[in-house]
Amino acid sequence: MTATETGRTVTVALPRLPRLNSNQRMHWSVWRRRTRLIRETAAWVTTSLREAPMERAQITAVIHPKTNARFDPHNLQPTVKAAIDGIVDARLLADDDSKRVVSVAFVAGEKDPAGPRIDLIVTEVV
């Protein structure tokens, strides 16, 4: 069964937060605090959008760097995972299992001189 977009999209624009990246090695308590901060912030931003719940969706994480230097957008997977959990907490999606989140893609966005940021584009699919 292939997923087709319905055209309904919700953009969850995360404010600038400490990020988690796949290459970091830090104490578990620091990692846990950052994860909680990202998750709670994503839930707050999603709730403030006041969108109706989606049954199934695909998510595109747009990673906006601060500079033009090379970077790997998918290294921010731990940050995006925590943010998706926040979207679930806000009840935009019932869960983030494979039946409800069809795909998660990582793309490089435009440079933002004010600092790096992440936008999650949630597109409803049927």
N, C-alpha and C. Protein backbone atom coordinates (compact mmCIF):
# COMPACT_ATOMS: atom_id res chain seq x y z
N MET A 1 0.85 -1.17 0.00
CA MET A 1 0.00 0.00 0.00
C MET A 1 0.89 1.23 0.00
N THR A 2 0.71 2.10 -0.94
CA THR A 2 1.51 3.31 -1.00
C THR A 2 0.75 4.45 -0.36
N ALA A 3 1.49 5.34 0.25
CA ALA A 3 0.89 6.50 0.90
C ALA A 3 0.75 7.63 -0.10
N THR A 4 -0.39 8.29 -0.06
CA THR A 4 -0.58 9.46 -0.92
C THR A 4 -0.91 10.65 -0.03
N GLU A 5 -0.33 11.77 -0.38
CA GLU A 5 -0.54 12.98 0.41
C GLU A 5 -1.95 13.52 0.21
N THR A 6 -2.50 14.10 1.28
CA THR A 6 -3.81 14.72 1.17
C THR A 6 -3.68 16.22 0.95
N GLY A 7 -2.47 16.74 1.10
CA GLY A 7 -2.26 18.17 0.95
C GLY A 7 -2.26 18.92 2.27
N ARG A 8 -2.76 18.31 3.31
CA ARG A 8 -2.78 18.97 4.62
C ARG A 8 -1.41 18.83 5.27
N THR A 9 -0.79 19.95 5.55
CA THR A 9 0.51 19.92 6.21
C THR A 9 0.50 20.83 7.43
N VAL A 10 1.30 20.45 8.39
CA VAL A 10 1.49 21.25 9.60
C VAL A 10 3.00 21.41 9.77
N THR A 11 3.44 22.64 9.94
CA THR A 11 4.86 22.89 10.17
C THR A 11 5.08 23.21 11.63
N VAL A 12 5.86 22.37 12.29
CA VAL A 12 6.23 22.58 13.69
C VAL A 12 7.62 23.19 13.68
N ALA A 13 7.69 24.49 13.87
CA ALA A 13 8.96 25.22 13.84
C ALA A 13 9.52 25.26 15.26
N LEU A 14 10.55 24.48 15.49
CA LEU A 14 11.15 24.45 16.83
C LEU A 14 12.00 25.68 17.04
N PRO A 15 11.92 26.26 18.21
CA PRO A 15 12.82 27.38 18.51
C PRO A 15 14.25 26.84 18.66
N ARG A 16 15.20 27.74 18.72
CA ARG A 16 16.59 27.31 18.90
C ARG A 16 16.77 26.70 20.27
N LEU A 17 17.15 25.42 20.29
CA LEU A 17 17.32 24.66 21.52
C LEU A 17 18.66 23.95 21.48
N PRO A 18 19.15 23.50 22.63
CA PRO A 18 20.30 22.59 22.58
C PRO A 18 19.88 21.35 21.80
N ARG A 19 20.74 20.89 20.92
CA ARG A 19 20.38 19.75 20.09
C ARG A 19 21.11 18.49 20.56
N LEU A 20 20.58 17.37 20.14
CA LEU A 20 21.24 16.07 20.35
C LEU A 20 21.68 15.58 18.99
N ASN A 21 22.89 15.05 18.92
CA ASN A 21 23.37 14.56 17.65
C ASN A 21 23.99 13.19 17.82
N SER A 22 23.92 12.40 16.79
CA SER A 22 24.35 11.00 16.85
C SER A 22 25.83 10.84 17.21
N ASN A 23 26.63 11.87 17.02
CA ASN A 23 28.06 11.77 17.30
C ASN A 23 28.44 12.22 18.70
N GLN A 24 27.51 12.73 19.47
CA GLN A 24 27.82 13.24 20.81
C GLN A 24 27.97 12.10 21.81
N ARG A 25 28.86 12.32 22.74
CA ARG A 25 29.00 11.42 23.88
C ARG A 25 28.94 12.30 25.12
N MET A 26 27.86 12.20 25.84
CA MET A 26 27.69 13.02 27.04
C MET A 26 27.10 12.16 28.15
N HIS A 27 27.14 12.70 29.34
CA HIS A 27 26.59 11.99 30.50
C HIS A 27 25.10 11.76 30.27
N TRP A 28 24.62 10.61 30.70
CA TRP A 28 23.22 10.24 30.45
C TRP A 28 22.24 11.25 31.03
N SER A 29 22.58 11.88 32.16
CA SER A 29 21.63 12.82 32.77
C SER A 29 21.51 14.11 31.93
N VAL A 30 22.60 14.54 31.32
CA VAL A 30 22.56 15.71 30.44
C VAL A 30 21.74 15.37 29.20
N TRP A 31 21.99 14.18 28.64
CA TRP A 31 21.24 13.72 27.46
C TRP A 31 19.75 13.67 27.78
N ARG A 32 19.42 13.15 28.93
CA ARG A 32 18.02 13.02 29.33
C ARG A 32 17.35 14.39 29.51
N ARG A 33 18.06 15.35 30.11
CA ARG A 33 17.49 16.70 30.28
C ARG A 33 17.24 17.37 28.93
N ARG A 34 18.19 17.23 28.02
CA ARG A 34 18.01 17.82 26.69
C ARG A 34 16.86 17.17 25.95
N THR A 35 16.76 15.85 26.06
CA THR A 35 15.66 15.13 25.41
C THR A 35 14.32 15.63 25.93
N ARG A 36 14.20 15.77 27.24
CA ARG A 36 12.95 16.24 27.84
C ARG A 36 12.63 17.67 27.38
N LEU A 37 13.65 18.54 27.33
CA LEU A 37 13.43 19.92 26.89
C LEU A 37 12.93 19.96 25.45
N ILE A 38 13.55 19.19 24.57
CA ILE A 38 13.14 19.16 23.16
C ILE A 38 11.72 18.61 23.04
N ARG A 39 11.43 17.53 23.75
CA ARG A 39 10.11 16.90 23.68
C ARG A 39 9.02 17.84 24.19
N GLU A 40 9.25 18.46 25.34
CA GLU A 40 8.24 19.37 25.91
C GLU A 40 8.05 20.61 25.04
N THR A 41 9.11 21.12 24.48
CA THR A 41 9.00 22.30 23.61
C THR A 41 8.22 21.96 22.35
N ALA A 42 8.51 20.81 21.74
CA ALA A 42 7.78 20.40 20.54
C ALA A 42 6.30 20.20 20.84
N ALA A 43 6.00 19.64 22.00
CA ALA A 43 4.60 19.46 22.40
C ALA A 43 3.91 20.81 22.57
N TRP A 44 4.60 21.74 23.19
CA TRP A 44 4.02 23.07 23.41
C TRP A 44 3.76 23.78 22.08
N VAL A 45 4.75 23.75 21.17
CA VAL A 45 4.60 24.40 19.87
C VAL A 45 3.46 23.75 19.09
N THR A 46 3.39 22.43 19.09
CA THR A 46 2.34 21.71 18.35
C THR A 46 0.96 22.01 18.92
N THR A 47 0.84 22.02 20.24
CA THR A 47 -0.44 22.34 20.88
C THR A 47 -0.89 23.75 20.52
N SER A 48 0.04 24.68 20.47
CA SER A 48 -0.32 26.07 20.16
C SER A 48 -0.83 26.24 18.74
N LEU A 49 -0.54 25.29 17.85
CA LEU A 49 -1.03 25.36 16.47
C LEU A 49 -2.51 25.01 16.36
N ARG A 50 -3.05 24.30 17.36
CA ARG A 50 -4.46 23.93 17.41
C ARG A 50 -4.95 23.22 16.14
N GLU A 51 -4.20 22.21 15.73
CA GLU A 51 -4.55 21.44 14.54
C GLU A 51 -5.30 20.18 14.93
N ALA A 52 -6.18 19.73 14.04
CA ALA A 52 -6.91 18.47 14.25
C ALA A 52 -5.94 17.30 14.12
N PRO A 53 -6.19 16.22 14.84
CA PRO A 53 -5.29 15.06 14.77
C PRO A 53 -5.24 14.45 13.37
N MET A 54 -4.12 13.82 13.08
CA MET A 54 -3.92 13.11 11.81
C MET A 54 -3.86 11.62 12.10
N GLU A 55 -4.40 10.83 11.19
CA GLU A 55 -4.37 9.37 11.34
C GLU A 55 -2.99 8.83 10.97
N ARG A 56 -2.48 9.26 9.80
CA ARG A 56 -1.17 8.82 9.31
C ARG A 56 -0.45 10.03 8.72
N ALA A 57 0.88 10.00 8.80
CA ALA A 57 1.63 11.15 8.28
C ALA A 57 3.03 10.75 7.88
N GLN A 58 3.62 11.60 7.05
CA GLN A 58 5.05 11.50 6.78
C GLN A 58 5.66 12.79 7.31
N ILE A 59 6.87 12.69 7.82
CA ILE A 59 7.50 13.83 8.46
C ILE A 59 8.81 14.14 7.75
N THR A 60 8.99 15.41 7.44
CA THR A 60 10.25 15.87 6.85
C THR A 60 10.89 16.82 7.84
N ALA A 61 12.11 16.48 8.28
CA ALA A 61 12.86 17.34 9.19
C ALA A 61 13.77 18.22 8.34
N VAL A 62 13.49 19.52 8.36
CA VAL A 62 14.31 20.47 7.61
C VAL A 62 15.29 21.08 8.60
N ILE A 63 16.57 20.80 8.39
CA ILE A 63 17.62 21.26 9.28
C ILE A 63 18.26 22.49 8.67
N HIS A 64 18.11 23.64 9.33
CA HIS A 64 18.67 24.90 8.85
C HIS A 64 19.99 25.16 9.60
N PRO A 65 21.13 25.13 8.89
CA PRO A 65 22.41 25.37 9.55
C PRO A 65 22.67 26.86 9.75
N LYS A 66 23.66 27.16 10.58
CA LYS A 66 24.04 28.55 10.80
C LYS A 66 24.99 29.05 9.72
N THR A 67 25.79 28.15 9.17
CA THR A 67 26.79 28.52 8.16
C THR A 67 26.63 27.67 6.91
N ASN A 68 27.47 27.93 5.94
CA ASN A 68 27.45 27.14 4.71
C ASN A 68 28.36 25.92 4.79
N ALA A 69 28.90 25.63 5.95
CA ALA A 69 29.78 24.48 6.11
C ALA A 69 29.03 23.18 5.85
N ARG A 70 29.77 22.16 5.46
CA ARG A 70 29.15 20.86 5.23
C ARG A 70 28.63 20.29 6.55
N PHE A 71 27.52 19.58 6.48
CA PHE A 71 26.98 18.92 7.67
C PHE A 71 26.07 17.78 7.22
N ASP A 72 25.81 16.87 8.12
CA ASP A 72 24.95 15.73 7.85
C ASP A 72 23.61 15.94 8.57
N PRO A 73 22.54 16.29 7.85
CA PRO A 73 21.25 16.52 8.50
C PRO A 73 20.77 15.34 9.34
N HIS A 74 21.04 14.12 8.89
CA HIS A 74 20.54 12.94 9.60
C HIS A 74 21.25 12.70 10.94
N ASN A 75 22.36 13.41 11.20
CA ASN A 75 23.02 13.27 12.51
C ASN A 75 22.15 13.83 13.64
N LEU A 76 21.17 14.64 13.30
CA LEU A 76 20.29 15.21 14.32
C LEU A 76 19.08 14.31 14.59
N GLN A 77 19.18 13.05 14.23
CA GLN A 77 18.09 12.10 14.44
C GLN A 77 17.63 12.04 15.89
N PRO A 78 18.52 12.04 16.90
CA PRO A 78 18.02 12.01 18.29
C PRO A 78 17.17 13.25 18.64
N THR A 79 17.52 14.40 18.09
CA THR A 79 16.72 15.60 18.32
C THR A 79 15.35 15.47 17.66
N VAL A 80 15.34 14.98 16.43
CA VAL A 80 14.08 14.83 15.69
C VAL A 80 13.19 13.79 16.37
N LYS A 81 13.77 12.70 16.84
CA LYS A 81 12.98 11.67 17.55
C LYS A 81 12.31 12.25 18.78
N ALA A 82 13.05 13.03 19.57
CA ALA A 82 12.46 13.65 20.76
C ALA A 82 11.34 14.62 20.36
N ALA A 83 11.53 15.36 19.27
CA ALA A 83 10.51 16.30 18.82
C ALA A 83 9.26 15.56 18.32
N ILE A 84 9.45 14.44 17.63
CA ILE A 84 8.30 13.65 17.18
C ILE A 84 7.54 13.10 18.38
N ASP A 85 8.24 12.68 19.42
CA ASP A 85 7.56 12.25 20.64
C ASP A 85 6.73 13.39 21.23
N GLY A 86 7.23 14.62 21.13
CA GLY A 86 6.47 15.78 21.60
C GLY A 86 5.22 16.01 20.76
N ILE A 87 5.33 15.78 19.46
CA ILE A 87 4.16 15.90 18.58
C ILE A 87 3.10 14.87 18.97
N VAL A 88 3.55 13.68 19.33
CA VAL A 88 2.61 12.64 19.80
C VAL A 88 2.00 13.07 21.14
N ASP A 89 2.82 13.62 22.04
CA ASP A 89 2.30 14.09 23.33
C ASP A 89 1.21 15.15 23.13
N ALA A 90 1.36 15.98 22.09
CA ALA A 90 0.38 17.02 21.79
C ALA A 90 -0.84 16.47 21.06
N ARG A 91 -0.81 15.18 20.74
CA ARG A 91 -1.93 14.47 20.11
C ARG A 91 -2.21 14.86 18.67
N LEU A 92 -1.19 15.39 17.97
CA LEU A 92 -1.36 15.59 16.54
C LEU A 92 -1.35 14.21 15.86
N LEU A 93 -0.55 13.30 16.40
CA LEU A 93 -0.53 11.90 15.98
C LEU A 93 -0.81 11.03 17.20
N ALA A 94 -1.49 9.93 17.00
CA ALA A 94 -1.81 9.05 18.13
C ALA A 94 -0.58 8.32 18.65
N ASP A 95 0.36 8.01 17.75
CA ASP A 95 1.58 7.30 18.12
C ASP A 95 2.59 7.54 17.02
N ASP A 96 3.84 7.17 17.26
CA ASP A 96 4.85 7.33 16.22
C ASP A 96 5.33 5.98 15.70
N ASP A 97 4.44 4.99 15.74
CA ASP A 97 4.79 3.67 15.22
C ASP A 97 4.75 3.68 13.69
N SER A 98 5.13 2.56 13.09
CA SER A 98 5.26 2.50 11.62
C SER A 98 3.92 2.56 10.89
N LYS A 99 2.82 2.32 11.58
CA LYS A 99 1.51 2.42 10.93
C LYS A 99 1.04 3.87 10.83
N ARG A 100 1.50 4.71 11.73
CA ARG A 100 1.05 6.10 11.75
C ARG A 100 2.08 7.06 11.15
N VAL A 101 3.35 6.80 11.37
CA VAL A 101 4.41 7.61 10.75
C VAL A 101 5.00 6.78 9.62
N VAL A 102 4.60 7.11 8.41
CA VAL A 102 4.96 6.34 7.23
C VAL A 102 6.45 6.49 6.91
N SER A 103 6.97 7.71 7.03
CA SER A 103 8.38 7.95 6.75
C SER A 103 8.86 9.20 7.47
N VAL A 104 10.15 9.23 7.72
CA VAL A 104 10.80 10.41 8.27
C VAL A 104 12.00 10.70 7.38
N ALA A 105 12.04 11.89 6.81
CA ALA A 105 13.12 12.28 5.92
C ALA A 105 13.88 13.46 6.53
N PHE A 106 15.16 13.52 6.23
CA PHE A 106 16.01 14.62 6.70
C PHE A 106 16.53 15.38 5.49
N VAL A 107 16.31 16.68 5.46
CA VAL A 107 16.81 17.50 4.36
C VAL A 107 17.50 18.74 4.92
N ALA A 108 18.47 19.22 4.17
CA ALA A 108 19.17 20.45 4.56
C ALA A 108 18.34 21.64 4.11
N GLY A 109 18.12 22.57 5.03
CA GLY A 109 17.38 23.77 4.70
C GLY A 109 18.33 24.92 4.39
N GLU A 110 17.78 26.09 4.24
CA GLU A 110 18.58 27.28 3.96
C GLU A 110 19.35 27.71 5.19
N LYS A 111 20.47 28.35 4.97
CA LYS A 111 21.30 28.87 6.05
C LYS A 111 20.51 29.92 6.83
N ASP A 112 20.64 29.89 8.15
CA ASP A 112 20.00 30.88 9.02
C ASP A 112 21.08 31.50 9.89
N PRO A 113 21.54 32.71 9.55
CA PRO A 113 22.64 33.33 10.29
C PRO A 113 22.33 33.55 11.78
N ALA A 114 21.06 33.56 12.15
CA ALA A 114 20.70 33.76 13.55
C ALA A 114 21.03 32.52 14.39
N GLY A 115 21.24 31.39 13.75
CA GLY A 115 21.56 30.17 14.48
C GLY A 115 20.83 28.98 13.88
N PRO A 116 21.34 27.78 14.15
CA PRO A 116 20.70 26.59 13.59
C PRO A 116 19.31 26.36 14.17
N ARG A 117 18.42 25.82 13.33
CA ARG A 117 17.07 25.53 13.79
C ARG A 117 16.50 24.36 12.99
N ILE A 118 15.40 23.82 13.47
CA ILE A 118 14.77 22.65 12.84
C ILE A 118 13.28 22.93 12.65
N ASP A 119 12.78 22.64 11.45
CA ASP A 119 11.36 22.68 11.16
C ASP A 119 10.92 21.26 10.84
N LEU A 120 9.84 20.83 11.46
CA LEU A 120 9.27 19.51 11.14
C LEU A 120 8.01 19.73 10.33
N ILE A 121 8.00 19.21 9.12
CA ILE A 121 6.84 19.35 8.24
C ILE A 121 6.10 18.02 8.29
N VAL A 122 4.91 18.05 8.88
CA VAL A 122 4.09 16.86 9.04
C VAL A 122 3.00 16.90 7.97
N THR A 123 3.04 15.92 7.06
CA THR A 123 2.11 15.87 5.95
C THR A 123 1.20 14.66 6.12
N GLU A 124 -0.09 14.91 6.15
CA GLU A 124 -1.07 13.81 6.31
C GLU A 124 -1.11 12.96 5.06
N VAL A 125 -1.17 11.65 5.25
CA VAL A 125 -1.26 10.72 4.13
C VAL A 125 -2.43 9.76 4.37
N VAL A 126 -2.94 9.20 3.28
CA VAL A 126 -4.03 8.22 3.38
C VAL A 126 -3.59 6.89 2.81
